[in-house]
Amino acid sequence: MDFERKRNESVYSNKVRAGKRRTYFFDVRQTKGEDYYLTITESTKRFDSDRYERHKIFLYKEDFNRFLEGLEATVNHVKTELMPDYDYDEFTRRHQEYEASLEEAKKQTETPSEPNEDDMSW
């Protein structure tokens, strides 16, 4: 039973937000034989409810290099052959602007601190 609990825990986890509705989770997990594998989960919020759809890939160490090579080759093909004029940084900039606007909204909703005796701006 201890192994089952441990198997579901991540040794390392990385979360990548991709827009408002989609998030990718990269989790390293440990096998019973003290080996490691990677789970890649896409979590997408459904339009019609507050529920999420999840799709998961299990990637084992013997496939890491081939998987990365295949992914890089495919992404590079799209970027250089199919859509060379597309601005691939557009969504990175939009995400950064969105995060900045969230931070600014958070700052505006925080209660300002009371002025102290040394603050002469009042």
PDB file of N, CA and C in Angstrom:
ATOM      1  N   MET A   1       0.818  -1.191   0.000  1.00  0.00           N
ATOM      2  CA  MET A   1       0.000   0.000   0.000  1.00  0.00           C
ATOM      3  C   MET A   1       0.869   1.264   0.000  1.00  0.00           C
ATOM      4  N   ASP A   2       2.000   1.229   0.704  1.00  0.00           N
ATOM      5  CA  ASP A   2       2.895   2.371   0.758  1.00  0.00           C
ATOM      6  C   ASP A   2       3.409   2.717  -0.634  1.00  0.00           C
ATOM      7  N   PHE A   3       3.698   1.680  -1.457  1.00  0.00           N
ATOM      8  CA  PHE A   3       4.179   1.928  -2.816  1.00  0.00           C
ATOM      9  C   PHE A   3       3.106   2.638  -3.644  1.00  0.00           C
ATOM     10  N   GLU A   4       1.850   2.241  -3.517  1.00  0.00           N
ATOM     11  CA  GLU A   4       0.766   2.873  -4.265  1.00  0.00           C
ATOM     12  C   GLU A   4       0.680   4.360  -3.933  1.00  0.00           C
ATOM     13  N   ARG A   5       0.790   4.687  -2.657  1.00  0.00           N
ATOM     14  CA  ARG A   5       0.740   6.082  -2.246  1.00  0.00           C
ATOM     15  C   ARG A   5       1.936   6.832  -2.820  1.00  0.00           C
ATOM     16  N   LYS A   6       3.116   6.228  -2.717  1.00  0.00           N
ATOM     17  CA  LYS A   6       4.342   6.845  -3.200  1.00  0.00           C
ATOM     18  C   LYS A   6       4.336   7.005  -4.721  1.00  0.00           C
ATOM     19  N   ARG A   7       3.750   6.031  -5.406  1.00  0.00           N
ATOM     20  CA  ARG A   7       3.729   6.053  -6.870  1.00  0.00           C
ATOM     21  C   ARG A   7       2.949   7.254  -7.391  1.00  0.00           C
ATOM     22  N   ASN A   8       1.938   7.652  -6.652  1.00  0.00           N
ATOM     23  CA  ASN A   8       1.126   8.777  -7.092  1.00  0.00           C
ATOM     24  C   ASN A   8       1.730  10.133  -6.742  1.00  0.00           C
ATOM     25  N   GLU A   9       2.798  10.137  -5.950  1.00  0.00           N
ATOM     26  CA  GLU A   9       3.467  11.380  -5.602  1.00  0.00           C
ATOM     27  C   GLU A   9       4.536  11.696  -6.644  1.00  0.00           C
ATOM     28  N   SER A  10       4.713  12.971  -6.889  1.00  0.00           N
ATOM     29  CA  SER A  10       5.753  13.396  -7.817  1.00  0.00           C
ATOM     30  C   SER A  10       7.051  13.638  -7.077  1.00  0.00           C
ATOM     31  N   VAL A  11       8.151  13.225  -7.703  1.00  0.00           N
ATOM     32  CA  VAL A  11       9.483  13.523  -7.198  1.00  0.00           C
ATOM     33  C   VAL A  11       9.854  14.944  -7.609  1.00  0.00           C
ATOM     34  N   TYR A  12       9.350  15.352  -8.772  1.00  0.00           N
ATOM     35  CA  TYR A  12       9.579  16.688  -9.311  1.00  0.00           C
ATOM     36  C   TYR A  12       8.355  17.033 -10.145  1.00  0.00           C
ATOM     37  N   SER A  13       7.961  18.308 -10.116  1.00  0.00           N
ATOM     38  CA  SER A  13       6.795  18.722 -10.884  1.00  0.00           C
ATOM     39  C   SER A  13       7.028  20.101 -11.472  1.00  0.00           C
ATOM     40  N   ASN A  14       6.530  20.286 -12.693  1.00  0.00           N
ATOM     41  CA  ASN A  14       6.637  21.565 -13.380  1.00  0.00           C
ATOM     42  C   ASN A  14       5.303  21.831 -14.063  1.00  0.00           C
ATOM     43  N   LYS A  15       4.754  23.022 -13.860  1.00  0.00           N
ATOM     44  CA  LYS A  15       3.458  23.385 -14.435  1.00  0.00           C
ATOM     45  C   LYS A  15       3.661  24.489 -15.454  1.00  0.00           C
ATOM     46  N   VAL A  16       3.055  24.314 -16.649  1.00  0.00           N
ATOM     47  CA  VAL A  16       3.150  25.309 -17.709  1.00  0.00           C
ATOM     48  C   VAL A  16       1.733  25.714 -18.099  1.00  0.00           C
ATOM     49  N   ARG A  17       1.405  26.972 -17.837  1.00  0.00           N
ATOM     50  CA  ARG A  17       0.090  27.484 -18.241  1.00  0.00           C
ATOM     51  C   ARG A  17       0.163  27.869 -19.707  1.00  0.00           C
ATOM     52  N   ALA A  18      -0.819  27.449 -20.444  1.00  0.00           N
ATOM     53  CA  ALA A  18      -0.860  27.715 -21.884  1.00  0.00           C
ATOM     54  C   ALA A  18      -2.208  28.332 -22.213  1.00  0.00           C
ATOM     55  N   GLY A  19      -2.350  29.597 -21.957  1.00  0.00           N
ATOM     56  CA  GLY A  19      -3.621  30.265 -22.187  1.00  0.00           C
ATOM     57  C   GLY A  19      -4.505  30.195 -20.960  1.00  0.00           C
ATOM     58  N   LYS A  20      -5.755  30.574 -21.160  1.00  0.00           N
ATOM     59  CA  LYS A  20      -6.697  30.648 -20.041  1.00  0.00           C
ATOM     60  C   LYS A  20      -7.300  29.300 -19.681  1.00  0.00           C
ATOM     61  N   ARG A  21      -7.371  28.390 -20.640  1.00  0.00           N
ATOM     62  CA  ARG A  21      -8.078  27.135 -20.405  1.00  0.00           C
ATOM     63  C   ARG A  21      -7.187  25.898 -20.362  1.00  0.00           C
ATOM     64  N   ARG A  22      -5.899  26.030 -20.701  1.00  0.00           N
ATOM     65  CA  ARG A  22      -5.062  24.839 -20.855  1.00  0.00           C
ATOM     66  C   ARG A  22      -3.814  24.947 -19.996  1.00  0.00           C
ATOM     67  N   THR A  23      -3.499  23.858 -19.329  1.00  0.00           N
ATOM     68  CA  THR A  23      -2.293  23.776 -18.506  1.00  0.00           C
ATOM     69  C   THR A  23      -1.625  22.435 -18.760  1.00  0.00           C
ATOM     70  N   TYR A  24      -0.291  22.446 -18.813  1.00  0.00           N
ATOM     71  CA  TYR A  24       0.481  21.218 -18.952  1.00  0.00           C
ATOM     72  C   TYR A  24       1.216  20.963 -17.648  1.00  0.00           C
ATOM     73  N   PHE A  25       1.214  19.713 -17.213  1.00  0.00           N
ATOM     74  CA  PHE A  25       1.934  19.309 -16.017  1.00  0.00           C
ATOM     75  C   PHE A  25       2.986  18.284 -16.411  1.00  0.00           C
ATOM     76  N   PHE A  26       4.215  18.506 -15.992  1.00  0.00           N
ATOM     77  CA  PHE A  26       5.311  17.577 -16.215  1.00  0.00           C
ATOM     78  C   PHE A  26       5.706  17.048 -14.844  1.00  0.00           C
ATOM     79  N   ASP A  27       5.467  15.780 -14.595  1.00  0.00           N
ATOM     80  CA  ASP A  27       5.732  15.181 -13.290  1.00  0.00           C
ATOM     81  C   ASP A  27       6.691  14.009 -13.417  1.00  0.00           C
ATOM     82  N   VAL A  28       7.709  13.984 -12.570  1.00  0.00           N
ATOM     83  CA  VAL A  28       8.617  12.845 -12.490  1.00  0.00           C
ATOM     84  C   VAL A  28       8.120  11.964 -11.348  1.00  0.00           C
ATOM     85  N   ARG A  29       7.959  10.682 -11.638  1.00  0.00           N
ATOM     86  CA  ARG A  29       7.481   9.727 -10.637  1.00  0.00           C
ATOM     87  C   ARG A  29       8.478   8.576 -10.533  1.00  0.00           C
ATOM     88  N   GLN A  30       8.383   7.843  -9.434  1.00  0.00           N
ATOM     89  CA  GLN A  30       9.317   6.747  -9.182  1.00  0.00           C
ATOM     90  C   GLN A  30       8.591   5.411  -9.290  1.00  0.00           C
ATOM     91  N   THR A  31       9.256   4.432  -9.919  1.00  0.00           N
ATOM     92  CA  THR A  31       8.692   3.090 -10.029  1.00  0.00           C
ATOM     93  C   THR A  31       9.016   2.281  -8.781  1.00  0.00           C
ATOM     94  N   LYS A  32       8.432   1.108  -8.702  1.00  0.00           N
ATOM     95  CA  LYS A  32       8.705   0.200  -7.584  1.00  0.00           C
ATOM     96  C   LYS A  32      10.190  -0.169  -7.531  1.00  0.00           C
ATOM     97  N   GLY A  33      10.811  -0.291  -8.705  1.00  0.00           N
ATOM     98  CA  GLY A  33      12.229  -0.643  -8.794  1.00  0.00           C
ATOM     99  C   GLY A  33      13.148   0.558  -8.658  1.00  0.00           C
ATOM    100  N   GLU A  34      12.633   1.642  -8.116  1.00  0.00           N
ATOM    101  CA  GLU A  34      13.377   2.875  -7.900  1.00  0.00           C
ATOM    102  C   GLU A  34      13.950   3.450  -9.193  1.00  0.00           C
ATOM    103  N   ASP A  35      13.182   3.345 -10.243  1.00  0.00           N
ATOM    104  CA  ASP A  35      13.494   3.967 -11.517  1.00  0.00           C
ATOM    105  C   ASP A  35      12.570   5.174 -11.649  1.00  0.00           C
ATOM    106  N   TYR A  36      12.773   5.988 -12.656  1.00  0.00           N
ATOM    107  CA  TYR A  36      11.951   7.186 -12.812  1.00  0.00           C
ATOM    108  C   TYR A  36      11.333   7.225 -14.193  1.00  0.00           C
ATOM    109  N   TYR A  37      10.168   7.840 -14.266  1.00  0.00           N
ATOM    110  CA  TYR A  37       9.496   8.073 -15.534  1.00  0.00           C
ATOM    111  C   TYR A  37       8.796   9.416 -15.455  1.00  0.00           C
ATOM    112  N   LEU A  38       8.377   9.905 -16.601  1.00  0.00           N
ATOM    113  CA  LEU A  38       7.762  11.219 -16.711  1.00  0.00           C
ATOM    114  C   LEU A  38       6.309  11.061 -17.121  1.00  0.00           C
ATOM    115  N   THR A  39       5.425  11.818 -16.481  1.00  0.00           N
ATOM    116  CA  THR A  39       4.052  11.900 -16.957  1.00  0.00           C
ATOM    117  C   THR A  39       3.840  13.317 -17.464  1.00  0.00           C
ATOM    118  N   ILE A  40       3.248  13.421 -18.628  1.00  0.00           N
ATOM    119  CA  ILE A  40       2.893  14.707 -19.211  1.00  0.00           C
ATOM    120  C   ILE A  40       1.377  14.732 -19.257  1.00  0.00           C
ATOM    121  N   THR A  41       0.790  15.703 -18.581  1.00  0.00           N
ATOM    122  CA  THR A  41      -0.665  15.799 -18.513  1.00  0.00           C
ATOM    123  C   THR A  41      -1.109  17.123 -19.099  1.00  0.00           C
ATOM    124  N   GLU A  42      -2.071  17.050 -20.019  1.00  0.00           N
ATOM    125  CA  GLU A  42      -2.723  18.252 -20.518  1.00  0.00           C
ATOM    126  C   GLU A  42      -4.058  18.347 -19.805  1.00  0.00           C
ATOM    127  N   SER A  43      -4.306  19.461 -19.163  1.00  0.00           N
ATOM    128  CA  SER A  43      -5.558  19.692 -18.464  1.00  0.00           C
ATOM    129  C   SER A  43      -6.257  20.867 -19.141  1.00  0.00           C
ATOM    130  N   THR A  44      -7.471  20.643 -19.632  1.00  0.00           N
ATOM    131  CA  THR A  44      -8.215  21.667 -20.346  1.00  0.00           C
ATOM    132  C   THR A  44      -9.553  21.884 -19.675  1.00  0.00           C
ATOM    133  N   LYS A  45      -9.846  23.134 -19.370  1.00  0.00           N
ATOM    134  CA  LYS A  45     -11.136  23.456 -18.771  1.00  0.00           C
ATOM    135  C   LYS A  45     -12.210  23.371 -19.845  1.00  0.00           C
ATOM    136  N   ARG A  46     -13.298  22.692 -19.508  1.00  0.00           N
ATOM    137  CA  ARG A  46     -14.402  22.540 -20.454  1.00  0.00           C
ATOM    138  C   ARG A  46     -15.204  23.830 -20.535  1.00  0.00           C
ATOM    139  N   PHE A  47     -15.751  24.113 -21.710  1.00  0.00           N
ATOM    140  CA  PHE A  47     -16.548  25.318 -21.904  1.00  0.00           C
ATOM    141  C   PHE A  47     -17.853  25.267 -21.113  1.00  0.00           C
ATOM    142  N   ASP A  48     -18.466  24.090 -21.070  1.00  0.00           N
ATOM    143  CA  ASP A  48     -19.822  23.965 -20.546  1.00  0.00           C
ATOM    144  C   ASP A  48     -19.915  23.758 -19.039  1.00  0.00           C
ATOM    145  N   SER A  49     -18.780  23.705 -18.336  1.00  0.00           N
ATOM    146  CA  SER A  49     -18.835  23.484 -16.894  1.00  0.00           C
ATOM    147  C   SER A  49     -17.519  23.899 -16.255  1.00  0.00           C
ATOM    148  N   ASP A  50     -17.421  23.673 -14.957  1.00  0.00           N
ATOM    149  CA  ASP A  50     -16.176  23.951 -14.244  1.00  0.00           C
ATOM    150  C   ASP A  50     -15.280  22.730 -14.200  1.00  0.00           C
ATOM    151  N   ARG A  51     -15.596  21.722 -14.987  1.00  0.00           N
ATOM    152  CA  ARG A  51     -14.819  20.477 -15.009  1.00  0.00           C
ATOM    153  C   ARG A  51     -13.637  20.612 -15.966  1.00  0.00           C
ATOM    154  N   TYR A  52     -12.691  19.704 -15.780  1.00  0.00           N
ATOM    155  CA  TYR A  52     -11.489  19.671 -16.611  1.00  0.00           C
ATOM    156  C   TYR A  52     -11.378  18.324 -17.304  1.00  0.00           C
ATOM    157  N   GLU A  53     -10.890  18.348 -18.530  1.00  0.00           N
ATOM    158  CA  GLU A  53     -10.543  17.117 -19.238  1.00  0.00           C
ATOM    159  C   GLU A  53      -9.038  16.953 -19.097  1.00  0.00           C
ATOM    160  N   ARG A  54      -8.614  15.721 -18.865  1.00  0.00           N
ATOM    161  CA  ARG A  54      -7.182  15.465 -18.716  1.00  0.00           C
ATOM    162  C   ARG A  54      -6.745  14.360 -19.678  1.00  0.00           C
ATOM    163  N   HIS A  55      -5.608  14.595 -20.289  1.00  0.00           N
ATOM    164  CA  HIS A  55      -4.997  13.599 -21.155  1.00  0.00           C
ATOM    165  C   HIS A  55      -3.572  13.402 -20.672  1.00  0.00           C
ATOM    166  N   LYS A  56      -3.159  12.159 -20.565  1.00  0.00           N
ATOM    167  CA  LYS A  56      -1.871  11.872 -19.952  1.00  0.00           C
ATOM    168  C   LYS A  56      -1.022  10.992 -20.856  1.00  0.00           C
ATOM    169  N   ILE A  57       0.289  11.291 -20.872  1.00  0.00           N
ATOM    170  CA  ILE A  57       1.287  10.492 -21.576  1.00  0.00           C
ATOM    171  C   ILE A  57       2.310  10.034 -20.542  1.00  0.00           C
ATOM    172  N   PHE A  58       2.679   8.778 -20.598  1.00  0.00           N
ATOM    173  CA  PHE A  58       3.739   8.237 -19.743  1.00  0.00           C
ATOM    174  C   PHE A  58       4.980   8.098 -20.611  1.00  0.00           C
ATOM    175  N   LEU A  59       6.073   8.682 -20.175  1.00  0.00           N
ATOM    176  CA  LEU A  59       7.304   8.663 -20.947  1.00  0.00           C
ATOM    177  C   LEU A  59       8.414   8.060 -20.098  1.00  0.00           C
ATOM    178  N   TYR A  60       9.003   6.981 -20.604  1.00  0.00           N
ATOM    179  CA  TYR A  60      10.018   6.247 -19.858  1.00  0.00           C
ATOM    180  C   TYR A  60      11.413   6.649 -20.329  1.00  0.00           C
ATOM    181  N   LYS A  61      12.409   6.495 -19.441  1.00  0.00           N
ATOM    182  CA  LYS A  61      13.766   7.001 -19.678  1.00  0.00           C
ATOM    183  C   LYS A  61      14.360   6.520 -20.997  1.00  0.00           C
ATOM    184  N   GLU A  62      14.050   5.290 -21.395  1.00  0.00           N
ATOM    185  CA  GLU A  62      14.626   4.780 -22.638  1.00  0.00           C
ATOM    186  C   GLU A  62      14.073   5.492 -23.871  1.00  0.00           C
ATOM    187  N   ASP A  63      12.989   6.250 -23.697  1.00  0.00           N
ATOM    188  CA  ASP A  63      12.385   6.973 -24.812  1.00  0.00           C
ATOM    189  C   ASP A  63      12.639   8.479 -24.755  1.00  0.00           C
ATOM    190  N   PHE A  64      13.279   8.982 -23.695  1.00  0.00           N
ATOM    191  CA  PHE A  64      13.482  10.424 -23.540  1.00  0.00           C
ATOM    192  C   PHE A  64      14.131  11.052 -24.765  1.00  0.00           C
ATOM    193  N   ASN A  65      15.271  10.518 -25.196  1.00  0.00           N
ATOM    194  CA  ASN A  65      16.016  11.129 -26.303  1.00  0.00           C
ATOM    195  C   ASN A  65      15.232  11.091 -27.605  1.00  0.00           C
ATOM    196  N   ARG A  66      14.637   9.949 -27.931  1.00  0.00           N
ATOM    197  CA  ARG A  66      13.864   9.855 -29.175  1.00  0.00           C
ATOM    198  C   ARG A  66      12.645  10.768 -29.132  1.00  0.00           C
ATOM    199  N   PHE A  67      11.999  10.857 -27.973  1.00  0.00           N
ATOM    200  CA  PHE A  67      10.830  11.720 -27.823  1.00  0.00           C
ATOM    201  C   PHE A  67      11.225  13.184 -28.059  1.00  0.00           C
ATOM    202  N   LEU A  68      12.311  13.617 -27.399  1.00  0.00           N
ATOM    203  CA  LEU A  68      12.776  14.998 -27.580  1.00  0.00           C
ATOM    204  C   LEU A  68      13.168  15.277 -29.027  1.00  0.00           C
ATOM    205  N   GLU A  69      13.874  14.339 -29.653  1.00  0.00           N
ATOM    206  CA  GLU A  69      14.266  14.512 -31.057  1.00  0.00           C
ATOM    207  C   GLU A  69      13.032  14.632 -31.950  1.00  0.00           C
ATOM    208  N   GLY A  70      12.056  13.774 -31.723  1.00  0.00           N
ATOM    209  CA  GLY A  70      10.831  13.811 -32.517  1.00  0.00           C
ATOM    210  C   GLY A  70      10.043  15.088 -32.294  1.00  0.00           C
ATOM    211  N   LEU A  71       9.953  15.518 -31.054  1.00  0.00           N
ATOM    212  CA  LEU A  71       9.234  16.751 -30.735  1.00  0.00           C
ATOM    213  C   LEU A  71       9.923  17.960 -31.356  1.00  0.00           C
ATOM    214  N   GLU A  72      11.245  18.047 -31.173  1.00  0.00           N
ATOM    215  CA  GLU A  72      12.005  19.161 -31.750  1.00  0.00           C
ATOM    216  C   GLU A  72      11.896  19.190 -33.269  1.00  0.00           C
ATOM    217  N   ALA A  73      12.028  18.034 -33.899  1.00  0.00           N
ATOM    218  CA  ALA A  73      11.950  17.973 -35.364  1.00  0.00           C
ATOM    219  C   ALA A  73      10.576  18.414 -35.851  1.00  0.00           C
ATOM    220  N   THR A  74       9.545  17.992 -35.168  1.00  0.00           N
ATOM    221  CA  THR A  74       8.184  18.339 -35.572  1.00  0.00           C
ATOM    222  C   THR A  74       7.907  19.824 -35.371  1.00  0.00           C
ATOM    223  N   VAL A  75       8.294  20.367 -34.221  1.00  0.00           N
ATOM    224  CA  VAL A  75       8.092  21.793 -33.955  1.00  0.00           C
ATOM    225  C   VAL A  75       8.908  22.627 -34.937  1.00  0.00           C
ATOM    226  N   ASN A  76      10.157  22.241 -35.176  1.00  0.00           N
ATOM    227  CA  ASN A  76      10.991  22.981 -36.127  1.00  0.00           C
ATOM    228  C   ASN A  76      10.428  22.931 -37.536  1.00  0.00           C
ATOM    229  N   HIS A  77       9.849  21.809 -37.935  1.00  0.00           N
ATOM    230  CA  HIS A  77       9.231  21.700 -39.259  1.00  0.00           C
ATOM    231  C   HIS A  77       8.078  22.697 -39.390  1.00  0.00           C
ATOM    232  N   VAL A  78       7.249  22.771 -38.381  1.00  0.00           N
ATOM    233  CA  VAL A  78       6.131  23.723 -38.419  1.00  0.00           C
ATOM    234  C   VAL A  78       6.672  25.146 -38.478  1.00  0.00           C
ATOM    235  N   LYS A  79       7.668  25.448 -37.640  1.00  0.00           N
ATOM    236  CA  LYS A  79       8.194  26.808 -37.577  1.00  0.00           C
ATOM    237  C   LYS A  79       8.924  27.229 -38.850  1.00  0.00           C
ATOM    238  N   THR A  80       9.659  26.321 -39.473  1.00  0.00           N
ATOM    239  CA  THR A  80      10.480  26.713 -40.625  1.00  0.00           C
ATOM    240  C   THR A  80       9.833  26.421 -41.970  1.00  0.00           C
ATOM    241  N   GLU A  81       9.062  25.354 -42.058  1.00  0.00           N
ATOM    242  CA  GLU A  81       8.494  24.951 -43.345  1.00  0.00           C
ATOM    243  C   GLU A  81       7.030  25.348 -43.523  1.00  0.00           C
ATOM    244  N   LEU A  82       6.227  25.138 -42.509  1.00  0.00           N
ATOM    245  CA  LEU A  82       4.788  25.360 -42.658  1.00  0.00           C
ATOM    246  C   LEU A  82       4.358  26.780 -42.317  1.00  0.00           C
ATOM    247  N   MET A  83       4.967  27.360 -41.304  1.00  0.00           N
ATOM    248  CA  MET A  83       4.558  28.702 -40.871  1.00  0.00           C
ATOM    249  C   MET A  83       5.771  29.547 -40.505  1.00  0.00           C
ATOM    250  N   PRO A  84       6.679  29.791 -41.472  1.00  0.00           N
ATOM    251  CA  PRO A  84       7.918  30.514 -41.148  1.00  0.00           C
ATOM    252  C   PRO A  84       7.693  31.990 -40.800  1.00  0.00           C
ATOM    253  N   ASP A  85       6.608  32.587 -41.234  1.00  0.00           N
ATOM    254  CA  ASP A  85       6.379  34.011 -40.996  1.00  0.00           C
ATOM    255  C   ASP A  85       5.575  34.285 -39.731  1.00  0.00           C
ATOM    256  N   TYR A  86       5.151  33.263 -39.059  1.00  0.00           N
ATOM    257  CA  TYR A  86       4.334  33.440 -37.858  1.00  0.00           C
ATOM    258  C   TYR A  86       5.189  33.911 -36.682  1.00  0.00           C
ATOM    259  N   ASP A  87       4.634  34.794 -35.873  1.00  0.00           N
ATOM    260  CA  ASP A  87       5.327  35.315 -34.691  1.00  0.00           C
ATOM    261  C   ASP A  87       5.072  34.370 -33.514  1.00  0.00           C
ATOM    262  N   TYR A  88       5.985  33.454 -33.272  1.00  0.00           N
ATOM    263  CA  TYR A  88       5.808  32.447 -32.219  1.00  0.00           C
ATOM    264  C   TYR A  88       5.951  33.018 -30.815  1.00  0.00           C
ATOM    265  N   ASP A  89       6.459  34.227 -30.701  1.00  0.00           N
ATOM    266  CA  ASP A  89       6.577  34.870 -29.395  1.00  0.00           C
ATOM    267  C   ASP A  89       5.323  35.655 -29.021  1.00  0.00           C
ATOM    268  N   GLU A  90       4.361  35.737 -29.935  1.00  0.00           N
ATOM    269  CA  GLU A  90       3.134  36.495 -29.682  1.00  0.00           C
ATOM    270  C   GLU A  90       2.441  36.037 -28.410  1.00  0.00           C
ATOM    271  N   PHE A  91       2.277  34.739 -28.246  1.00  0.00           N
ATOM    272  CA  PHE A  91       1.548  34.235 -27.091  1.00  0.00           C
ATOM    273  C   PHE A  91       2.356  34.371 -25.806  1.00  0.00           C
ATOM    274  N   THR A  92       3.670  34.330 -25.919  1.00  0.00           N
ATOM    275  CA  THR A  92       4.507  34.564 -24.740  1.00  0.00           C
ATOM    276  C   THR A  92       4.312  35.994 -24.260  1.00  0.00           C
ATOM    277  N   ARG A  93       4.325  36.956 -25.191  1.00  0.00           N
ATOM    278  CA  ARG A  93       4.105  38.353 -24.824  1.00  0.00           C
ATOM    279  C   ARG A  93       2.715  38.549 -24.235  1.00  0.00           C
ATOM    280  N   ARG A  94       1.699  37.956 -24.870  1.00  0.00           N
ATOM    281  CA  ARG A  94       0.329  38.101 -24.369  1.00  0.00           C
ATOM    282  C   ARG A  94       0.191  37.494 -22.982  1.00  0.00           C
ATOM    283  N   HIS A  95       0.859  36.366 -22.748  1.00  0.00           N
ATOM    284  CA  HIS A  95       0.802  35.735 -21.435  1.00  0.00           C
ATOM    285  C   HIS A  95       1.493  36.621 -20.391  1.00  0.00           C
ATOM    286  N   GLN A  96       2.612  37.194 -20.744  1.00  0.00           N
ATOM    287  CA  GLN A  96       3.314  38.088 -19.824  1.00  0.00           C
ATOM    288  C   GLN A  96       2.455  39.315 -19.501  1.00  0.00           C
ATOM    289  N   GLU A  97       1.779  39.859 -20.510  1.00  0.00           N
ATOM    290  CA  GLU A  97       0.890  41.006 -20.278  1.00  0.00           C
ATOM    291  C   GLU A  97      -0.274  40.609 -19.379  1.00  0.00           C
ATOM    292  N   TYR A  98      -0.817  39.437 -19.606  1.00  0.00           N
ATOM    293  CA  TYR A  98      -1.924  38.941 -18.783  1.00  0.00           C
ATOM    294  C   TYR A  98      -1.477  38.766 -17.331  1.00  0.00           C
ATOM    295  N   GLU A  99      -0.316  38.159 -17.122  1.00  0.00           N
ATOM    296  CA  GLU A  99       0.217  37.973 -15.769  1.00  0.00           C
ATOM    297  C   GLU A  99       0.466  39.318 -15.100  1.00  0.00           C
ATOM    298  N   ALA A 100       0.989  40.291 -15.858  1.00  0.00           N
ATOM    299  CA  ALA A 100       1.233  41.627 -15.309  1.00  0.00           C
ATOM    300  C   ALA A 100      -0.077  42.304 -14.920  1.00  0.00           C
ATOM    301  N   SER A 101      -1.112  42.138 -15.735  1.00  0.00           N
ATOM    302  CA  SER A 101      -2.410  42.743 -15.402  1.00  0.00           C
ATOM    303  C   SER A 101      -3.005  42.094 -14.158  1.00  0.00           C
ATOM    304  N   LEU A 102      -2.815  40.793 -13.989  1.00  0.00           N
ATOM    305  CA  LEU A 102      -3.288  40.128 -12.770  1.00  0.00           C
ATOM    306  C   LEU A 102      -2.556  40.658 -11.547  1.00  0.00           C
ATOM    307  N   GLU A 103      -1.246  40.840 -11.683  1.00  0.00           N
ATOM    308  CA  GLU A 103      -0.443  41.365 -10.582  1.00  0.00           C
ATOM    309  C   GLU A 103      -0.867  42.786 -10.235  1.00  0.00           C
ATOM    310  N   GLU A 104      -1.127  43.601 -11.260  1.00  0.00           N
ATOM    311  CA  GLU A 104      -1.559  44.985 -11.035  1.00  0.00           C
ATOM    312  C   GLU A 104      -2.929  45.016 -10.353  1.00  0.00           C
ATOM    313  N   ALA A 105      -3.842  44.149 -10.788  1.00  0.00           N
ATOM    314  CA  ALA A 105      -5.162  44.078 -10.155  1.00  0.00           C
ATOM    315  C   ALA A 105      -5.045  43.640  -8.703  1.00  0.00           C
ATOM    316  N   LYS A 106      -4.140  42.732  -8.448  1.00  0.00           N
ATOM    317  CA  LYS A 106      -3.911  42.264  -7.072  1.00  0.00           C
ATOM    318  C   LYS A 106      -3.398  43.407  -6.204  1.00  0.00           C
ATOM    319  N   LYS A 107      -2.471  44.201  -6.738  1.00  0.00           N
ATOM    320  CA  LYS A 107      -1.931  45.330  -5.994  1.00  0.00           C
ATOM    321  C   LYS A 107      -3.015  46.361  -5.690  1.00  0.00           C
ATOM    322  N   GLN A 108      -3.923  46.582  -6.647  1.00  0.00           N
ATOM    323  CA  GLN A 108      -4.973  47.581  -6.466  1.00  0.00           C
ATOM    324  C   GLN A 108      -6.006  47.159  -5.442  1.00  0.00           C
ATOM    325  N   THR A 109      -6.189  45.867  -5.255  1.00  0.00           N
ATOM    326  CA  THR A 109      -7.187  45.394  -4.301  1.00  0.00           C
ATOM    327  C   THR A 109      -6.617  45.243  -2.895  1.00  0.00           C
ATOM    328  N   GLU A 110      -5.291  45.318  -2.759  1.00  0.00           N
ATOM    329  CA  GLU A 110      -4.687  45.233  -1.430  1.00  0.00           C
ATOM    330  C   GLU A 110      -4.961  46.521  -0.677  1.00  0.00           C
ATOM    331  N   THR A 111      -5.182  46.404   0.623  1.00  0.00           N
ATOM    332  CA  THR A 111      -5.450  47.571   1.458  1.00  0.00           C
ATOM    333  C   THR A 111      -4.152  48.315   1.702  1.00  0.00           C
ATOM    334  N   PRO A 112      -4.158  49.631   1.474  1.00  0.00           N
ATOM    335  CA  PRO A 112      -2.926  50.373   1.742  1.00  0.00           C
ATOM    336  C   PRO A 112      -2.648  50.405   3.238  1.00  0.00           C
ATOM    337  N   SER A 113      -1.381  50.426   3.562  1.00  0.00           N
ATOM    338  CA  SER A 113      -1.011  50.437   4.973  1.00  0.00           C
ATOM    339  C   SER A 113      -1.243  51.829   5.555  1.00  0.00           C
ATOM    340  N   GLU A 114      -1.432  51.887   6.841  1.00  0.00           N
ATOM    341  CA  GLU A 114      -1.630  53.151   7.545  1.00  0.00           C
ATOM    342  C   GLU A 114      -0.321  53.939   7.501  1.00  0.00           C
ATOM    343  N   PRO A 115      -0.411  55.268   7.311  1.00  0.00           N
ATOM    344  CA  PRO A 115       0.830  56.057   7.314  1.00  0.00           C
ATOM    345  C   PRO A 115       1.448  56.062   8.694  1.00  0.00           C
ATOM    346  N   ASN A 116       2.763  56.036   8.733  1.00  0.00           N
ATOM    347  CA  ASN A 116       3.436  56.101  10.027  1.00  0.00           C
ATOM    348  C   ASN A 116       3.900  57.525  10.281  1.00  0.00           C
ATOM    349  N   GLU A 117       4.458  57.780  11.456  1.00  0.00           N
ATOM    350  CA  GLU A 117       4.860  59.112  11.854  1.00  0.00           C
ATOM    351  C   GLU A 117       5.940  59.697  10.951  1.00  0.00           C
ATOM    352  N   ASP A 118       6.770  58.828  10.368  1.00  0.00           N
ATOM    353  CA  ASP A 118       7.865  59.298   9.527  1.00  0.00           C
ATOM    354  C   ASP A 118       7.424  59.633   8.108  1.00  0.00           C
ATOM    355  N   ASP A 119       6.201  59.242   7.762  1.00  0.00           N
ATOM    356  CA  ASP A 119       5.687  59.486   6.419  1.00  0.00           C
ATOM    357  C   ASP A 119       5.079  60.885   6.365  1.00  0.00           C
ATOM    358  N   MET A 120       5.730  61.804   5.695  1.00  0.00           N
ATOM    359  CA  MET A 120       5.272  63.183   5.670  1.00  0.00           C
ATOM    360  C   MET A 120       4.414  63.476   4.442  1.00  0.00           C
ATOM    361  N   SER A 121       4.056  62.458   3.684  1.00  0.00           N
ATOM    362  CA  SER A 121       3.286  62.682   2.456  1.00  0.00           C
ATOM    363  C   SER A 121       1.831  62.969   2.712  1.00  0.00           C
ATOM    364  N   TRP A 122       1.333  62.799   3.937  1.00  0.00           N
ATOM    365  CA  TRP A 122      -0.081  63.039   4.211  1.00  0.00           C
ATOM    366  C   TRP A 122      -0.301  64.478   4.421  1.00  0.00           C
TER     367      TRP A 122
END
